Structure formats: C-alpha cells, structure tokens
C-alpha atoms as a PDB file:
ATOM      1  CA  MET A   1     -30.319  11.999 -11.334  1.00  0.00           C
ATOM      2  CA  ASN A   2     -28.736   9.137 -13.389  1.00  0.00           C
ATOM      3  CA  THR A   3     -26.962   6.617 -10.749  1.00  0.00           C
ATOM      4  CA  THR A   4     -25.507   4.185 -13.101  1.00  0.00           C
ATOM      5  CA  THR A   5     -21.807   3.738 -12.749  1.00  0.00           C
ATOM      6  CA  PRO A   6     -19.008   1.780 -14.125  1.00  0.00           C
ATOM      7  CA  SER A   7     -19.072  -0.857 -11.837  1.00  0.00           C
ATOM      8  CA  THR A   8     -23.097  -1.481 -11.902  1.00  0.00           C
ATOM      9  CA  VAL A   9     -22.451  -1.449 -15.650  1.00  0.00           C
ATOM     10  CA  ARG A  10     -20.068  -4.074 -15.351  1.00  0.00           C
ATOM     11  CA  ILE A  11     -22.156  -6.103 -12.683  1.00  0.00           C
ATOM     12  CA  SER A  12     -25.015  -5.917 -15.101  1.00  0.00           C
ATOM     13  CA  ARG A  13     -22.969  -6.996 -18.180  1.00  0.00           C
ATOM     14  CA  GLU A  14     -21.839  -9.771 -16.540  1.00  0.00           C
ATOM     15  CA  ALA A  15     -25.123 -11.104 -15.056  1.00  0.00           C
ATOM     16  CA  ARG A  16     -26.432 -10.961 -18.591  1.00  0.00           C
ATOM     17  CA  ILE A  17     -23.663 -13.228 -20.047  1.00  0.00           C
ATOM     18  CA  ALA A  18     -23.641 -15.523 -16.663  1.00  0.00           C
ATOM     19  CA  ALA A  19     -27.403 -15.986 -17.352  1.00  0.00           C
ATOM     20  CA  SER A  20     -27.174 -16.817 -21.095  1.00  0.00           C
ATOM     21  CA  VAL A  21     -24.224 -19.352 -20.607  1.00  0.00           C
ATOM     22  CA  ALA A  22     -26.734 -21.138 -18.074  1.00  0.00           C
ATOM     23  CA  ALA A  23     -29.713 -21.008 -20.471  1.00  0.00           C
ATOM     24  CA  TRP A  24     -26.799 -22.542 -23.401  1.00  0.00           C
ATOM     25  CA  HIS A  25     -25.895 -25.241 -21.023  1.00  0.00           C
ATOM     26  CA  LYS A  26     -29.694 -25.897 -19.902  1.00  0.00           C
ATOM     27  CA  PHE A  27     -30.883 -26.143 -23.820  1.00  0.00           C
ATOM     28  CA  ARG A  28     -28.091 -28.430 -24.645  1.00  0.00           C
ATOM     29  CA  GLU A  29     -28.877 -30.614 -21.609  1.00  0.00           C
ATOM     30  CA  ARG A  30     -32.597 -30.885 -22.788  1.00  0.00           C
ATOM     31  CA  GLN A  31     -31.395 -31.928 -26.617  1.00  0.00           C
ATOM     32  CA  GLN A  32     -30.277 -35.412 -25.177  1.00  0.00           C
ATOM     33  CA  HIS A  33     -27.494 -36.124 -27.992  1.00  0.00           C
ATOM     34  CA  VAL A  34     -29.271 -34.107 -30.632  1.00  0.00           C
ATOM     35  CA  PRO A  35     -26.905 -31.181 -31.707  1.00  0.00           C
ATOM     36  CA  ALA A  36     -29.342 -28.693 -31.924  1.00  0.00           C
ATOM     37  CA  ARG A  37     -27.957 -25.044 -33.085  1.00  0.00           C
ATOM     38  CA  LEU A  38     -29.787 -22.012 -32.292  1.00  0.00           C
ATOM     39  CA  PRO A  39     -29.873 -19.044 -35.047  1.00  0.00           C
ATOM     40  CA  PHE A  40     -27.834 -15.783 -34.966  1.00  0.00           C
ATOM     41  CA  VAL A  41     -27.627 -12.650 -36.383  1.00  0.00           C
ATOM     42  CA  THR A  42     -25.452 -10.278 -37.738  1.00  0.00           C
ATOM     43  CA  ILE A  43     -25.835  -6.805 -38.645  1.00  0.00           C
ATOM     44  CA  SER A  44     -23.353  -4.501 -40.788  1.00  0.00           C
ATOM     45  CA  ARG A  45     -24.359  -1.034 -41.632  1.00  0.00           C
ATOM     46  CA  GLN A  46     -23.458   2.136 -43.357  1.00  0.00           C
ATOM     47  CA  TYR A  47     -22.134   4.672 -41.013  1.00  0.00           C
ATOM     48  CA  GLY A  48     -25.368   6.667 -40.178  1.00  0.00           C
ATOM     49  CA  CYS A  49     -27.578   3.658 -40.310  1.00  0.00           C
ATOM     50  CA  GLU A  50     -29.909   2.696 -37.170  1.00  0.00           C
ATOM     51  CA  ALA A  51     -28.037  -0.941 -36.537  1.00  0.00           C
ATOM     52  CA  PHE A  52     -27.843  -0.273 -32.666  1.00  0.00           C
ATOM     53  CA  GLY A  53     -31.843   0.696 -32.408  1.00  0.00           C
ATOM     54  CA  LEU A  54     -32.233  -2.099 -34.762  1.00  0.00           C
ATOM     55  CA  ALA A  55     -30.684  -4.905 -32.629  1.00  0.00           C
ATOM     56  CA  VAL A  56     -32.153  -3.930 -29.766  1.00  0.00           C
ATOM     57  CA  GLN A  57     -35.518  -3.792 -31.164  1.00  0.00           C
ATOM     58  CA  LEU A  58     -35.027  -7.204 -32.931  1.00  0.00           C
ATOM     59  CA  ALA A  59     -34.027  -8.984 -29.460  1.00  0.00           C
ATOM     60  CA  ASP A  60     -37.103  -7.567 -28.043  1.00  0.00           C
ATOM     61  CA  LEU A  61     -39.533  -9.042 -30.930  1.00  0.00           C
ATOM     62  CA  LEU A  62     -37.993 -12.180 -30.597  1.00  0.00           C
ATOM     63  CA  ASN A  63     -38.079 -12.806 -26.922  1.00  0.00           C
ATOM     64  CA  LYS A  64     -41.602 -11.520 -26.685  1.00  0.00           C
ATOM     65  CA  ARG A  65     -43.236 -13.260 -29.864  1.00  0.00           C
ATOM     66  CA  CYS A  66     -40.882 -16.443 -29.481  1.00  0.00           C
ATOM     67  CA  GLN A  67     -40.613 -16.897 -25.949  1.00  0.00           C
ATOM     68  CA  PRO A  68     -37.044 -19.033 -26.352  1.00  0.00           C
ATOM     69  CA  ALA A  69     -35.971 -21.028 -23.473  1.00  0.00           C
ATOM     70  CA  VAL A  70     -32.400 -19.269 -24.315  1.00  0.00           C
ATOM     71  CA  PRO A  71     -33.131 -15.267 -24.351  1.00  0.00           C
ATOM     72  CA  TRP A  72     -31.750 -13.362 -27.322  1.00  0.00           C
ATOM     73  CA  ALA A  73     -29.273 -10.964 -26.480  1.00  0.00           C
ATOM     74  CA  SER A  74     -27.715  -8.132 -28.696  1.00  0.00           C
ATOM     75  CA  TYR A  75     -24.262  -7.121 -28.508  1.00  0.00           C
ATOM     76  CA  ASP A  76     -23.261  -3.853 -30.229  1.00  0.00           C
ATOM     77  CA  ARG A  77     -19.181  -3.083 -30.921  1.00  0.00           C
ATOM     78  CA  GLU A  78     -18.434  -1.558 -27.410  1.00  0.00           C
ATOM     79  CA  VAL A  79     -20.019  -4.045 -25.508  1.00  0.00           C
ATOM     80  CA  LEU A  80     -17.876  -6.872 -27.642  1.00  0.00           C
ATOM     81  CA  ASP A  81     -14.863  -5.076 -26.915  1.00  0.00           C
ATOM     82  CA  ARG A  82     -15.424  -4.595 -23.121  1.00  0.00           C
ATOM     83  CA  VAL A  83     -16.462  -8.373 -22.752  1.00  0.00           C
ATOM     84  CA  SER A  84     -13.284  -9.410 -24.762  1.00  0.00           C
ATOM     85  CA  ALA A  85     -11.358  -7.268 -22.720  1.00  0.00           C
ATOM     86  CA  GLU A  86     -12.506  -8.688 -19.405  1.00  0.00           C
ATOM     87  CA  LEU A  87     -10.730 -12.118 -19.045  1.00  0.00           C
ATOM     88  CA  ASN A  88     -13.437 -13.624 -17.060  1.00  0.00           C
ATOM     89  CA  LEU A  89     -15.927 -12.991 -19.217  1.00  0.00           C
ATOM     90  CA  ASN A  90     -14.076 -14.074 -22.506  1.00  0.00           C
ATOM     91  CA  ARG A  91     -13.403 -17.231 -21.304  1.00  0.00           C
ATOM     92  CA  GLU A  92     -16.400 -18.110 -19.863  1.00  0.00           C
ATOM     93  CA  ILE A  93     -18.121 -17.559 -23.184  1.00  0.00           C
ATOM     94  CA  VAL A  94     -15.290 -19.320 -25.278  1.00  0.00           C
ATOM     95  CA  ALA A  95     -15.387 -22.073 -22.927  1.00  0.00           C
ATOM     96  CA  CYS A  96     -19.403 -22.658 -24.421  1.00  0.00           C
ATOM     97  CA  MET A  97     -17.787 -23.973 -27.286  1.00  0.00           C
ATOM     98  CA  ASP A  98     -16.822 -27.840 -27.523  1.00  0.00           C
ATOM     99  CA  GLY A  99     -13.152 -28.806 -28.437  1.00  0.00           C
ATOM    100  CA  ARG A 100     -14.276 -29.731 -32.134  1.00  0.00           C
ATOM    101  CA  ARG A 101     -15.805 -26.468 -33.046  1.00  0.00           C
ATOM    102  CA  ARG A 102     -13.103 -24.556 -31.211  1.00  0.00           C
ATOM    103  CA  SER A 103     -10.450 -26.150 -33.666  1.00  0.00           C
ATOM    104  CA  GLU A 104     -12.138 -25.799 -36.557  1.00  0.00           C
ATOM    105  CA  MET A 105     -12.847 -21.836 -35.386  1.00  0.00           C
ATOM    106  CA  ILE A 106      -8.814 -21.363 -35.202  1.00  0.00           C
ATOM    107  CA  GLU A 107      -8.614 -22.875 -38.598  1.00  0.00           C
ATOM    108  CA  PHE A 108     -10.844 -20.993 -40.196  1.00  0.00           C
ATOM    109  CA  PHE A 109      -9.091 -17.695 -38.478  1.00  0.00           C
ATOM    110  CA  ASP A 110      -6.022 -18.557 -39.720  1.00  0.00           C
ATOM    111  CA  THR A 111      -7.240 -18.441 -43.328  1.00  0.00           C
ATOM    112  CA  LEU A 112      -9.171 -14.807 -42.495  1.00  0.00           C
ATOM    113  CA  LEU A 113      -7.309 -12.667 -40.196  1.00  0.00           C
ATOM    114  CA  ASN A 114      -4.479 -10.950 -41.242  1.00  0.00           C
ATOM    115  CA  ARG A 115      -1.332 -12.423 -38.893  1.00  0.00           C
ATOM    116  CA  LYS A 116       1.376 -10.081 -39.840  1.00  0.00           C
ATOM    117  CA  VAL A 117      -0.583  -7.174 -38.069  1.00  0.00           C
ATOM    118  CA  ASP A 118       0.407  -6.180 -34.751  1.00  0.00           C
ATOM    119  CA  GLU A 119      -2.631  -5.672 -33.212  1.00  0.00           C
ATOM    120  CA  VAL A 120      -4.168  -9.006 -34.494  1.00  0.00           C
ATOM    121  CA  VAL A 121      -3.426 -10.774 -31.243  1.00  0.00           C
ATOM    122  CA  LEU A 122      -5.827  -8.233 -29.500  1.00  0.00           C
ATOM    123  CA  PHE A 123      -8.489  -8.336 -32.334  1.00  0.00           C
ATOM    124  CA  ARG A 124      -8.335 -12.401 -32.151  1.00  0.00           C
ATOM    125  CA  LYS A 125      -9.361 -12.133 -28.656  1.00  0.00           C
ATOM    126  CA  ILE A 126     -12.655 -10.318 -30.051  1.00  0.00           C
ATOM    127  CA  ALA A 127     -13.067 -12.584 -32.945  1.00  0.00           C
ATOM    128  CA  GLU A 128     -13.227 -15.785 -30.635  1.00  0.00           C
ATOM    129  CA  VAL A 129     -15.848 -14.208 -28.505  1.00  0.00           C
ATOM    130  CA  ILE A 130     -18.086 -13.212 -31.138  1.00  0.00           C
ATOM    131  CA  CYS A 131     -17.682 -16.867 -33.233  1.00  0.00           C
ATOM    132  CA  SER A 132     -18.150 -18.148 -29.541  1.00  0.00           C
ATOM    133  CA  LEU A 133     -21.550 -15.869 -29.427  1.00  0.00           C
ATOM    134  CA  ALA A 134     -22.941 -17.028 -32.656  1.00  0.00           C
ATOM    135  CA  THR A 135     -22.163 -20.521 -32.277  1.00  0.00           C
ATOM    136  CA  ASN A 136     -23.873 -20.669 -28.946  1.00  0.00           C
ATOM    137  CA  GLY A 137     -27.039 -18.736 -30.679  1.00  0.00           C
ATOM    138  CA  HIS A 138     -29.506 -16.274 -29.824  1.00  0.00           C
ATOM    139  CA  THR A 139     -27.419 -13.432 -30.248  1.00  0.00           C
ATOM    140  CA  ILE A 140     -27.471 -10.648 -32.603  1.00  0.00           C
ATOM    141  CA  LEU A 141     -23.877  -9.221 -33.134  1.00  0.00           C
ATOM    142  CA  VAL A 142     -23.524  -5.643 -34.522  1.00  0.00           C
ATOM    143  CA  GLY A 143     -20.376  -4.688 -36.258  1.00  0.00           C
ATOM    144  CA  ARG A 144     -16.578  -5.420 -35.724  1.00  0.00           C
ATOM    145  CA  GLY A 145     -16.755  -7.695 -38.896  1.00  0.00           C
ATOM    146  CA  SER A 146     -18.742 -10.259 -37.602  1.00  0.00           C
ATOM    147  CA  TYR A 147     -20.633 -11.318 -40.751  1.00  0.00           C
ATOM    148  CA  LEU A 148     -17.064 -11.874 -41.475  1.00  0.00           C
ATOM    149  CA  LEU A 149     -15.877 -13.838 -38.684  1.00  0.00           C
ATOM    150  CA  THR A 150     -18.865 -15.857 -38.448  1.00  0.00           C
ATOM    151  CA  ARG A 151     -19.680 -16.954 -42.130  1.00  0.00           C
ATOM    152  CA  SER A 152     -17.743 -20.419 -41.840  1.00  0.00           C
ATOM    153  CA  LEU A 153     -21.124 -21.140 -39.795  1.00  0.00           C
ATOM    154  CA  ASN A 154     -24.458 -22.182 -41.540  1.00  0.00           C
ATOM    155  CA  THR A 155     -26.727 -21.028 -38.566  1.00  0.00           C
ATOM    156  CA  GLY A 156     -26.487 -17.508 -39.077  1.00  0.00           C
ATOM    157  CA  LEU A 157     -28.405 -14.521 -40.705  1.00  0.00           C
ATOM    158  CA  HIS A 158     -26.454 -11.934 -41.981  1.00  0.00           C
ATOM    159  CA  VAL A 159     -27.887  -8.037 -42.837  1.00  0.00           C
ATOM    160  CA  ARG A 160     -26.608  -5.071 -44.322  1.00  0.00           C
ATOM    161  CA  LEU A 161     -28.138  -1.643 -43.793  1.00  0.00           C
ATOM    162  CA  ILE A 162     -27.916   1.166 -46.412  1.00  0.00           C
ATOM    163  CA  ALA A 163     -28.932   4.487 -47.039  1.00  0.00           C
ATOM    164  CA  PRO A 164     -28.125   7.242 -49.221  1.00  0.00           C
ATOM    165  CA  ARG A 165     -25.536   9.738 -48.085  1.00  0.00           C
ATOM    166  CA  PRO A 166     -27.248  12.363 -47.741  1.00  0.00           C
ATOM    167  CA  TRP A 167     -29.935  10.658 -45.525  1.00  0.00           C
ATOM    168  CA  ARG A 168     -27.113   9.443 -43.184  1.00  0.00           C
ATOM    169  CA  ILE A 169     -25.574  12.817 -43.225  1.00  0.00           C
ATOM    170  CA  GLN A 170     -28.455  14.583 -42.155  1.00  0.00           C
ATOM    171  CA  ARG A 171     -29.286  11.788 -39.394  1.00  0.00           C
ATOM    172  CA  ILE A 172     -25.997  12.155 -37.923  1.00  0.00           C
ATOM    173  CA  ALA A 173     -26.172  15.992 -37.864  1.00  0.00           C
ATOM    174  CA  SER A 174     -29.563  14.950 -35.976  1.00  0.00           C
ATOM    175  CA  TRP A 175     -28.424  12.466 -33.513  1.00  0.00           C
ATOM    176  CA  LYS A 176     -25.305  14.543 -32.527  1.00  0.00           C
ATOM    177  CA  ASN A 177     -26.580  18.105 -33.013  1.00  0.00           C
ATOM    178  CA  ILE A 178     -24.159  19.309 -35.432  1.00  0.00           C
ATOM    179  CA  SER A 179     -24.266  20.956 -38.719  1.00  0.00           C
ATOM    180  CA  LEU A 180     -24.295  19.552 -41.797  1.00  0.00           C
ATOM    181  CA  LYS A 181     -21.008  20.189 -42.910  1.00  0.00           C
ATOM    182  CA  ASP A 182     -19.731  18.618 -39.984  1.00  0.00           C
ATOM    183  CA  ALA A 183     -21.611  15.867 -40.382  1.00  0.00           C
ATOM    184  CA  GLU A 184     -20.523  14.928 -43.655  1.00  0.00           C
ATOM    185  CA  LYS A 185     -16.989  15.369 -42.345  1.00  0.00           C
ATOM    186  CA  ASP A 186     -17.738  12.698 -39.835  1.00  0.00           C
ATOM    187  CA  VAL A 187     -19.322  10.388 -42.339  1.00  0.00           C
ATOM    188  CA  GLU A 188     -16.500  10.459 -44.510  1.00  0.00           C
ATOM    189  CA  HIS A 189     -13.729  10.031 -41.624  1.00  0.00           C
ATOM    190  CA  CYS A 190     -15.810   7.030 -40.165  1.00  0.00           C
ATOM    191  CA  GLU A 191     -16.392   5.255 -43.573  1.00  0.00           C
ATOM    192  CA  ILE A 192     -12.400   5.544 -44.136  1.00  0.00           C
ATOM    193  CA  GLN A 193     -12.282   3.795 -40.771  1.00  0.00           C
ATOM    194  CA  ARG A 194     -13.930   1.165 -41.590  1.00  0.00           C
ATOM    195  CA  ASP A 195     -12.870   0.356 -44.870  1.00  0.00           C
ATOM    196  CA  THR A 196      -9.142   0.687 -43.129  1.00  0.00           C
ATOM    197  CA  PHE A 197     -10.300  -1.672 -40.635  1.00  0.00           C
ATOM    198  CA  LEU A 198     -11.804  -4.411 -42.881  1.00  0.00           C
ATOM    199  CA  LYS A 199      -8.722  -4.400 -44.979  1.00  0.00           C
ATOM    200  CA  THR A 200      -6.149  -4.223 -41.970  1.00  0.00           C
ATOM    201  CA  PHE A 201      -7.655  -7.515 -40.346  1.00  0.00           C
ATOM    202  CA  PHE A 202      -9.015  -9.373 -42.933  1.00  0.00           C
ATOM    203  CA  LEU A 203      -7.195 -10.959 -45.813  1.00  0.00           C
ATOM    204  CA  GLN A 204     -10.224 -11.508 -47.862  1.00  0.00           C
ATOM    205  CA  GLN A 205     -13.865 -10.591 -48.153  1.00  0.00           C
ATOM    206  CA  PRO A 206     -16.416 -12.815 -50.077  1.00  0.00           C
ATOM    207  CA  PRO A 207     -18.297 -10.886 -52.857  1.00  0.00           C
ATOM    208  CA  ASN A 208     -21.880 -11.231 -51.848  1.00  0.00           C
ATOM    209  CA  PRO A 209     -21.638 -11.659 -47.827  1.00  0.00           C
ATOM    210  CA  PHE A 210     -25.108 -10.655 -46.671  1.00  0.00           C
ATOM    211  CA  ASP A 211     -28.687 -12.282 -46.875  1.00  0.00           C
ATOM    212  CA  LEU A 212     -30.654  -9.606 -46.657  1.00  0.00           C
ATOM    213  CA  ILE A 213     -30.244  -5.726 -47.475  1.00  0.00           C
ATOM    214  CA  LEU A 214     -32.186  -3.108 -45.912  1.00  0.00           C
ATOM    215  CA  GLU A 215     -32.802   0.484 -47.184  1.00  0.00           C
ATOM    216  CA  ASN A 216     -32.814   2.157 -43.840  1.00  0.00           C
ATOM    217  CA  SER A 217     -34.226   5.186 -45.325  1.00  0.00           C
ATOM    218  CA  ALA A 218     -37.232   3.370 -46.724  1.00  0.00           C
ATOM    219  CA  PHE A 219     -37.812   1.346 -43.401  1.00  0.00           C
ATOM    220  CA  ASN A 220     -37.493   2.647 -39.467  1.00  0.00           C
ATOM    221  CA  VAL A 221     -36.208  -0.126 -36.764  1.00  0.00           C
ATOM    222  CA  HIS A 222     -39.658  -1.534 -36.100  1.00  0.00           C
ATOM    223  CA  GLN A 223     -40.368  -2.339 -39.713  1.00  0.00           C
ATOM    224  CA  MET A 224     -36.839  -3.635 -40.280  1.00  0.00           C
ATOM    225  CA  ALA A 225     -37.272  -6.125 -37.479  1.00  0.00           C
ATOM    226  CA  GLU A 226     -40.474  -7.786 -38.741  1.00  0.00           C
ATOM    227  CA  ILE A 227     -38.964  -8.002 -42.025  1.00  0.00           C
ATOM    228  CA  ILE A 228     -35.611  -9.827 -40.068  1.00  0.00           C
ATOM    229  CA  PHE A 229     -38.009 -12.040 -38.179  1.00  0.00           C
ATOM    230  CA  THR A 230     -40.159 -13.058 -41.189  1.00  0.00           C
ATOM    231  CA  ALA A 231     -36.521 -14.097 -42.848  1.00  0.00           C
ATOM    232  CA  LEU A 232     -35.477 -15.822 -39.584  1.00  0.00           C
ATOM    233  CA  ALA A 233     -38.884 -17.544 -39.525  1.00  0.00           C
ATOM    234  CA  ALA A 234     -38.312 -18.609 -42.806  1.00  0.00           C
ATOM    235  CA  ARG A 235     -35.032 -20.091 -42.593  1.00  0.00           C
ATOM    236  CA  PHE A 236     -35.021 -21.158 -38.767  1.00  0.00           C
ATOM    237  CA  SER A 237     -38.439 -22.012 -38.622  1.00  0.00           C
ATOM    238  CA  SER A 238     -37.869 -25.633 -37.017  1.00  0.00           C
ATOM    239  CA  VAL A 239     -36.007 -23.739 -34.280  1.00  0.00           C
ATOM    240  CA  LEU A 240     -36.612 -20.408 -33.969  1.00  0.00           C
ATOM    241  CA  VAL A 241     -39.200 -21.312 -30.948  1.00  0.00           C
ATOM    242  CA  GLU A 242     -37.967 -23.569 -28.426  1.00  0.00           C
ATOM    243  CA  ASP A 243     -40.411 -22.982 -25.221  1.00  0.00           C
END
C-alpha cells in the first residue's frame, strides 16, 4: 500500500531543498573568497521523449561517480511549479543569490520576458527559482523554458531531446495505455501548448540555444546520461568533482 501523502511529499521536498541550501553555503565558505561556480544542466524535449527519467538517471550517475560536496538534484516542471508556489521555499532558494547576481537576473528578465502578459507575474516567480537553482549549481532543470531563462549564465550545459514523431506517438500510447490515434492527438495538443507557452512568455529565442542535441530513439536514458556526463567532464572538469 502506498503511504505517501501530500504532506509527506511536501516535507520531503522541503528537506531536500534545505539540504541543498546548506550544502551550497558550506561549499562557498570552503572556497575562501574564490568565486567558484558549480555547473548545471537544462533538459528540453520534444513531447514524448524521456527527459524526466534522464534527469533522475543523470543526477544519480553524477552523485555516484563524482561524490560531490553539493549533491546533484533534478527538478521537473511539477516540482518547479510547486516550489515556486510555496513562499518559504521560494524565498530560501532565491536568497542564496548575492545582490549583484540578483540584480543581473532582474535586468535579464526585463529583456527576456513579455511583461504585457497578465500571467507573467506568476511565471516570473518560477523563473526566479529556476535561475537561482542554476546559479547555485549542481541542478538538473527540466522544462519551463529553463534553457532560455539561464542562457545568460556561463556554467550551464543545455540539452535537447528529439525523436521522430511516430516513435514519440508510440511511446505515449505505451506510457498512457491509449490508442495510437489518441496518442497522436495528445502529442499534437502538447506540441501546440509548448509553442504557445514560449510565444506567450518569451520576447525572443536564440537561433541555436542548445549545446547538445540527442536522438532519444537511438539512445536510452542510461546511454544519454553517459553522453551528458562526458560533455560535462569536457567542459567543467576543474569543478565537476568536489570532494
């Protein structure tokens, strides 16, 4: 029997974030005025690709192989939305940023986000959490335009998952136990939703925003995690392992 309740999920989430915040502070204290910046990863996907499973697998791989002082943690869209909505968690994460970086974030958002949209005030809270998590480092961020919100930072690796539409339709049909026809409608609906989201909240998008594009139909989550690990090691070898 599943004994997990909303309250235990909330407590677990708060405990995990509190542990991350404590680890970030401890790491910075050890640096002795050296402004070390921990890397982060964003994962964007075509609907039907395995971004959530990949994020969990990648965090597990990085923690086991690197044994970092600040553990890697993954945040999917649902977690990001809930953390942003819970005021105490929101404040705790954003407060980890120093004043200069917070000012830079605000200035960047003014050029990136569409302030004419009514919902932008709520989305900006989510954006602040995403940017703060990325700035603090050792986070894997899935969805919510994370690759756009964090592109002013130079410590990120931005990954895009793609796959042929028939493959994605087949995956959705299998995951949701629905017909191929219903899965095709689901894929089409979610693709429209994603395009609408990007056009609604973002004023512009760079032409080539991703560092690494992976074909999900050719690689499983374990293989993609290894590929991303190799890319992280190549770009951030000096700070990837922190005992």
